[in-house]
Amino acid sequence: MELNTLLAQIGVAIAGGFAAELLHWYALSRKPGGSKKYKVHAIYWVTTIGMIILGGLMPLLYIQGSASALLCFHLGATAPIILQKLVANLPSSVAAQGPEDTSMRSFFSW
């Protein structure tokens, strides 16, 4: 399907970002202790929403004119995944943000 408007492209990219974040929270729930330790802290929900919005902004940077829906979905999904992998692999001296069991580094590691 071809998307001709920027709003449609952003909408599909947001859906891609949402899908990536849904997969992230699913992966967290499969770990021992699960997502329970993260879901009670607002910072992780703000981070999740920020990642989805970041995914939605990718068509602004990459696309001019029309684009396929699949491309927009991929752009939206890959932005959060790439950032999560970068944060998860930061050296521990840089990534230390709070207690180890609920740190941003452990939140982003799948």
N, C-alpha and C. Protein backbone atom coordinates (compact mmCIF):
# COMPACT_ATOMS: atom_id res chain seq x y z
N MET A 1 0.84 -1.16 0.00
CA MET A 1 0.00 0.00 0.00
C MET A 1 0.89 1.24 0.00
N GLU A 2 0.55 2.17 -0.81
CA GLU A 2 1.30 3.42 -0.95
C GLU A 2 0.66 4.49 -0.06
N LEU A 3 1.49 5.16 0.74
CA LEU A 3 1.01 6.24 1.61
C LEU A 3 1.48 7.56 1.02
N ASN A 4 0.52 8.43 0.71
CA ASN A 4 0.84 9.68 0.03
C ASN A 4 0.91 10.89 0.94
N THR A 5 0.37 10.80 2.14
CA THR A 5 0.39 11.95 3.03
C THR A 5 1.35 11.70 4.18
N LEU A 6 1.95 12.76 4.66
CA LEU A 6 2.87 12.66 5.79
C LEU A 6 2.16 12.16 7.03
N LEU A 7 0.93 12.57 7.24
CA LEU A 7 0.17 12.13 8.42
C LEU A 7 -0.04 10.61 8.40
N ALA A 8 -0.36 10.06 7.23
CA ALA A 8 -0.52 8.61 7.13
C ALA A 8 0.80 7.89 7.38
N GLN A 9 1.89 8.44 6.87
CA GLN A 9 3.20 7.84 7.07
C GLN A 9 3.58 7.85 8.54
N ILE A 10 3.33 8.97 9.22
CA ILE A 10 3.63 9.07 10.64
C ILE A 10 2.76 8.10 11.44
N GLY A 11 1.49 7.98 11.07
CA GLY A 11 0.60 7.06 11.76
C GLY A 11 1.07 5.62 11.67
N VAL A 12 1.50 5.20 10.50
CA VAL A 12 1.99 3.83 10.32
C VAL A 12 3.33 3.66 11.06
N ALA A 13 4.17 4.67 11.05
CA ALA A 13 5.44 4.60 11.78
C ALA A 13 5.20 4.52 13.28
N ILE A 14 4.21 5.23 13.78
CA ILE A 14 3.85 5.13 15.20
C ILE A 14 3.39 3.71 15.52
N ALA A 15 2.62 3.11 14.61
CA ALA A 15 2.20 1.72 14.80
C ALA A 15 3.42 0.80 14.87
N GLY A 16 4.44 1.06 14.05
CA GLY A 16 5.68 0.28 14.11
C GLY A 16 6.40 0.47 15.43
N GLY A 17 6.48 1.72 15.89
CA GLY A 17 7.10 1.98 17.19
C GLY A 17 6.34 1.32 18.32
N PHE A 18 5.01 1.34 18.24
CA PHE A 18 4.19 0.68 19.25
C PHE A 18 4.43 -0.82 19.24
N ALA A 19 4.53 -1.41 18.06
CA ALA A 19 4.79 -2.85 17.96
C ALA A 19 6.13 -3.22 18.58
N ALA A 20 7.15 -2.40 18.34
CA ALA A 20 8.47 -2.67 18.92
C ALA A 20 8.42 -2.56 20.44
N GLU A 21 7.71 -1.57 20.96
CA GLU A 21 7.61 -1.41 22.41
C GLU A 21 6.75 -2.50 23.04
N LEU A 22 5.74 -2.95 22.34
CA LEU A 22 4.93 -4.07 22.82
C LEU A 22 5.78 -5.32 22.94
N LEU A 23 6.61 -5.57 21.94
CA LEU A 23 7.55 -6.69 21.98
C LEU A 23 8.53 -6.53 23.14
N HIS A 24 9.00 -5.31 23.36
CA HIS A 24 9.93 -5.04 24.47
C HIS A 24 9.29 -5.38 25.82
N TRP A 25 8.06 -4.90 26.05
CA TRP A 25 7.38 -5.18 27.32
C TRP A 25 7.06 -6.67 27.45
N TYR A 26 6.76 -7.34 26.35
CA TYR A 26 6.54 -8.78 26.39
C TYR A 26 7.83 -9.50 26.81
N ALA A 27 8.95 -9.09 26.23
CA ALA A 27 10.24 -9.69 26.59
C ALA A 27 10.55 -9.44 28.06
N LEU A 28 10.23 -8.26 28.57
CA LEU A 28 10.45 -7.97 29.99
C LEU A 28 9.59 -8.88 30.86
N SER A 29 8.37 -9.13 30.44
CA SER A 29 7.47 -9.96 31.25
C SER A 29 7.91 -11.41 31.30
N ARG A 30 8.73 -11.85 30.36
CA ARG A 30 9.22 -13.22 30.32
C ARG A 30 10.45 -13.43 31.19
N LYS A 31 11.05 -12.34 31.69
CA LYS A 31 12.23 -12.44 32.55
C LYS A 31 11.79 -12.73 33.98
N PRO A 32 12.68 -13.34 34.78
CA PRO A 32 12.37 -13.53 36.20
C PRO A 32 12.13 -12.16 36.86
N GLY A 33 11.06 -12.05 37.60
CA GLY A 33 10.71 -10.76 38.19
C GLY A 33 9.84 -9.95 37.26
N GLY A 34 9.94 -10.25 35.99
CA GLY A 34 9.08 -9.68 34.97
C GLY A 34 9.05 -8.18 34.90
N SER A 35 8.00 -7.69 34.33
CA SER A 35 7.84 -6.26 34.14
C SER A 35 7.30 -5.58 35.38
N LYS A 36 7.04 -6.33 36.44
CA LYS A 36 6.46 -5.77 37.67
C LYS A 36 7.31 -4.65 38.24
N LYS A 37 8.62 -4.81 38.21
CA LYS A 37 9.49 -3.80 38.80
C LYS A 37 9.56 -2.53 37.97
N TYR A 38 9.18 -2.59 36.69
CA TYR A 38 9.22 -1.41 35.82
C TYR A 38 7.88 -0.72 35.70
N LYS A 39 6.80 -1.47 35.69
CA LYS A 39 5.50 -0.87 35.40
C LYS A 39 5.00 0.08 36.47
N VAL A 40 5.61 0.08 37.64
CA VAL A 40 5.18 0.99 38.71
C VAL A 40 5.91 2.32 38.70
N HIS A 41 6.92 2.46 37.86
CA HIS A 41 7.71 3.70 37.79
C HIS A 41 7.35 4.48 36.53
N ALA A 42 6.98 5.72 36.71
CA ALA A 42 6.55 6.56 35.59
C ALA A 42 7.65 6.78 34.56
N ILE A 43 8.90 6.79 34.97
CA ILE A 43 10.00 7.07 34.03
C ILE A 43 10.03 6.04 32.90
N TYR A 44 9.67 4.79 33.19
CA TYR A 44 9.69 3.76 32.16
C TYR A 44 8.53 3.92 31.19
N TRP A 45 7.39 4.42 31.68
CA TRP A 45 6.26 4.68 30.78
C TRP A 45 6.53 5.90 29.91
N VAL A 46 7.17 6.91 30.48
CA VAL A 46 7.55 8.09 29.70
C VAL A 46 8.56 7.69 28.63
N THR A 47 9.50 6.84 28.99
CA THR A 47 10.49 6.36 28.03
C THR A 47 9.83 5.56 26.91
N THR A 48 8.87 4.72 27.26
CA THR A 48 8.16 3.92 26.27
C THR A 48 7.40 4.82 25.29
N ILE A 49 6.69 5.80 25.82
CA ILE A 49 5.95 6.73 24.96
C ILE A 49 6.91 7.53 24.09
N GLY A 50 8.03 7.95 24.66
CA GLY A 50 9.04 8.68 23.89
C GLY A 50 9.60 7.85 22.75
N MET A 51 9.81 6.56 22.98
CA MET A 51 10.32 5.68 21.93
C MET A 51 9.30 5.54 20.80
N ILE A 52 8.03 5.44 21.15
CA ILE A 52 6.98 5.33 20.13
C ILE A 52 6.92 6.61 19.30
N ILE A 53 6.99 7.75 19.97
CA ILE A 53 6.97 9.04 19.26
C ILE A 53 8.21 9.17 18.37
N LEU A 54 9.35 8.77 18.88
CA LEU A 54 10.58 8.81 18.08
C LEU A 54 10.43 7.97 16.82
N GLY A 55 9.84 6.80 16.95
CA GLY A 55 9.58 5.97 15.77
C GLY A 55 8.65 6.67 14.78
N GLY A 56 7.68 7.40 15.30
CA GLY A 56 6.76 8.13 14.44
C GLY A 56 7.39 9.29 13.71
N LEU A 57 8.48 9.82 14.23
CA LEU A 57 9.16 10.94 13.59
C LEU A 57 10.10 10.51 12.45
N MET A 58 10.41 9.25 12.37
CA MET A 58 11.37 8.78 11.37
C MET A 58 10.96 9.09 9.92
N PRO A 59 9.69 9.01 9.54
CA PRO A 59 9.35 9.39 8.15
C PRO A 59 9.71 10.84 7.82
N LEU A 60 9.69 11.71 8.81
CA LEU A 60 10.08 13.09 8.57
C LEU A 60 11.53 13.19 8.13
N LEU A 61 12.36 12.31 8.64
CA LEU A 61 13.79 12.35 8.33
C LEU A 61 14.15 11.59 7.06
N TYR A 62 13.39 10.55 6.73
CA TYR A 62 13.78 9.66 5.65
C TYR A 62 12.99 9.81 4.36
N ILE A 63 11.74 10.25 4.45
CA ILE A 63 10.86 10.14 3.29
C ILE A 63 10.47 11.51 2.75
N GLN A 64 10.49 11.62 1.45
CA GLN A 64 9.94 12.78 0.75
C GLN A 64 8.96 12.24 -0.28
N GLY A 65 7.73 12.69 -0.24
CA GLY A 65 6.72 12.19 -1.16
C GLY A 65 6.06 10.94 -0.63
N SER A 66 5.64 10.07 -1.54
CA SER A 66 4.93 8.87 -1.13
C SER A 66 5.92 7.76 -0.74
N ALA A 67 5.41 6.83 0.06
CA ALA A 67 6.23 5.70 0.50
C ALA A 67 5.30 4.53 0.81
N SER A 68 5.87 3.36 0.84
CA SER A 68 5.06 2.18 1.15
C SER A 68 4.77 2.13 2.64
N ALA A 69 3.65 1.52 2.97
CA ALA A 69 3.28 1.37 4.38
C ALA A 69 4.30 0.51 5.11
N LEU A 70 4.82 -0.51 4.43
CA LEU A 70 5.80 -1.39 5.06
C LEU A 70 7.08 -0.63 5.43
N LEU A 71 7.53 0.24 4.55
CA LEU A 71 8.71 1.06 4.85
C LEU A 71 8.46 1.93 6.08
N CYS A 72 7.33 2.57 6.13
CA CYS A 72 7.00 3.43 7.28
C CYS A 72 6.93 2.63 8.57
N PHE A 73 6.33 1.44 8.50
CA PHE A 73 6.25 0.57 9.68
C PHE A 73 7.65 0.18 10.15
N HIS A 74 8.50 -0.20 9.21
CA HIS A 74 9.88 -0.58 9.55
C HIS A 74 10.65 0.59 10.17
N LEU A 75 10.48 1.78 9.62
CA LEU A 75 11.16 2.94 10.19
C LEU A 75 10.71 3.18 11.62
N GLY A 76 9.42 3.06 11.86
CA GLY A 76 8.89 3.26 13.20
C GLY A 76 9.36 2.20 14.18
N ALA A 77 9.49 0.97 13.72
CA ALA A 77 9.90 -0.12 14.61
C ALA A 77 11.40 -0.13 14.88
N THR A 78 12.20 0.23 13.88
CA THR A 78 13.65 0.11 14.06
C THR A 78 14.25 1.21 14.93
N ALA A 79 13.67 2.39 14.93
CA ALA A 79 14.23 3.48 15.74
C ALA A 79 14.29 3.11 17.22
N PRO A 80 13.20 2.64 17.84
CA PRO A 80 13.29 2.25 19.25
C PRO A 80 14.23 1.08 19.49
N ILE A 81 14.23 0.12 18.58
CA ILE A 81 15.08 -1.06 18.78
C ILE A 81 16.55 -0.69 18.73
N ILE A 82 16.94 0.14 17.79
CA ILE A 82 18.33 0.57 17.70
C ILE A 82 18.74 1.34 18.95
N LEU A 83 17.91 2.27 19.40
CA LEU A 83 18.24 3.02 20.62
C LEU A 83 18.31 2.12 21.84
N GLN A 84 17.41 1.16 21.95
CA GLN A 84 17.44 0.24 23.09
C GLN A 84 18.71 -0.58 23.10
N LYS A 85 19.13 -1.03 21.96
CA LYS A 85 20.37 -1.81 21.90
C LYS A 85 21.59 -0.95 22.23
N LEU A 86 21.59 0.30 21.80
CA LEU A 86 22.70 1.19 22.13
C LEU A 86 22.78 1.43 23.64
N VAL A 87 21.65 1.73 24.26
CA VAL A 87 21.64 1.99 25.71
C VAL A 87 22.01 0.73 26.48
N ALA A 88 21.51 -0.42 26.07
CA ALA A 88 21.79 -1.67 26.78
C ALA A 88 23.26 -2.04 26.72
N ASN A 89 23.97 -1.55 25.72
CA ASN A 89 25.38 -1.91 25.57
C ASN A 89 26.35 -0.80 25.96
N LEU A 90 25.84 0.23 26.63
CA LEU A 90 26.73 1.27 27.15
C LEU A 90 27.63 0.70 28.24
N PRO A 91 28.83 1.22 28.40
CA PRO A 91 29.66 0.80 29.52
C PRO A 91 28.95 1.08 30.85
N SER A 92 29.17 0.25 31.83
CA SER A 92 28.44 0.38 33.10
C SER A 92 28.70 1.71 33.79
N SER A 93 29.86 2.32 33.59
CA SER A 93 30.14 3.61 34.22
C SER A 93 29.26 4.72 33.65
N VAL A 94 28.83 4.58 32.40
CA VAL A 94 27.98 5.57 31.76
C VAL A 94 26.51 5.28 32.01
N ALA A 95 26.15 3.99 32.06
CA ALA A 95 24.75 3.58 32.11
C ALA A 95 24.18 3.51 33.51
N ALA A 96 24.97 3.72 34.54
CA ALA A 96 24.46 3.61 35.91
C ALA A 96 23.47 4.73 36.20
N GLN A 97 22.20 4.37 36.25
CA GLN A 97 21.13 5.33 36.53
C GLN A 97 20.15 4.66 37.49
N GLY A 98 20.45 4.65 38.76
CA GLY A 98 19.55 4.06 39.74
C GLY A 98 19.99 2.66 40.13
N PRO A 99 19.19 2.01 41.00
CA PRO A 99 19.53 0.66 41.44
C PRO A 99 19.64 -0.30 40.27
N GLU A 100 20.52 -1.27 40.36
CA GLU A 100 20.79 -2.16 39.23
C GLU A 100 19.55 -2.94 38.79
N ASP A 101 18.68 -3.34 39.73
CA ASP A 101 17.53 -4.15 39.33
C ASP A 101 16.48 -3.36 38.56
N THR A 102 16.46 -2.02 38.70
CA THR A 102 15.51 -1.20 37.94
C THR A 102 16.21 -0.10 37.16
N SER A 103 17.45 -0.32 36.78
CA SER A 103 18.18 0.69 36.03
C SER A 103 17.68 0.77 34.59
N MET A 104 17.96 1.89 33.93
CA MET A 104 17.60 2.03 32.52
C MET A 104 18.32 0.98 31.69
N ARG A 105 19.53 0.65 32.07
CA ARG A 105 20.29 -0.36 31.32
C ARG A 105 19.58 -1.71 31.37
N SER A 106 19.12 -2.12 32.55
CA SER A 106 18.43 -3.40 32.64
C SER A 106 17.06 -3.34 31.98
N PHE A 107 16.42 -2.16 31.97
CA PHE A 107 15.13 -1.98 31.30
C PHE A 107 15.27 -2.17 29.80
N PHE A 108 16.35 -1.68 29.22
CA PHE A 108 16.55 -1.74 27.78
C PHE A 108 17.16 -3.05 27.32
N SER A 109 17.68 -3.86 28.22
CA SER A 109 18.27 -5.13 27.76
C SER A 109 17.16 -6.16 27.61
N TRP A 110 17.10 -6.76 26.44
CA TRP A 110 16.07 -7.75 26.14
C TRP A 110 16.62 -9.09 26.50
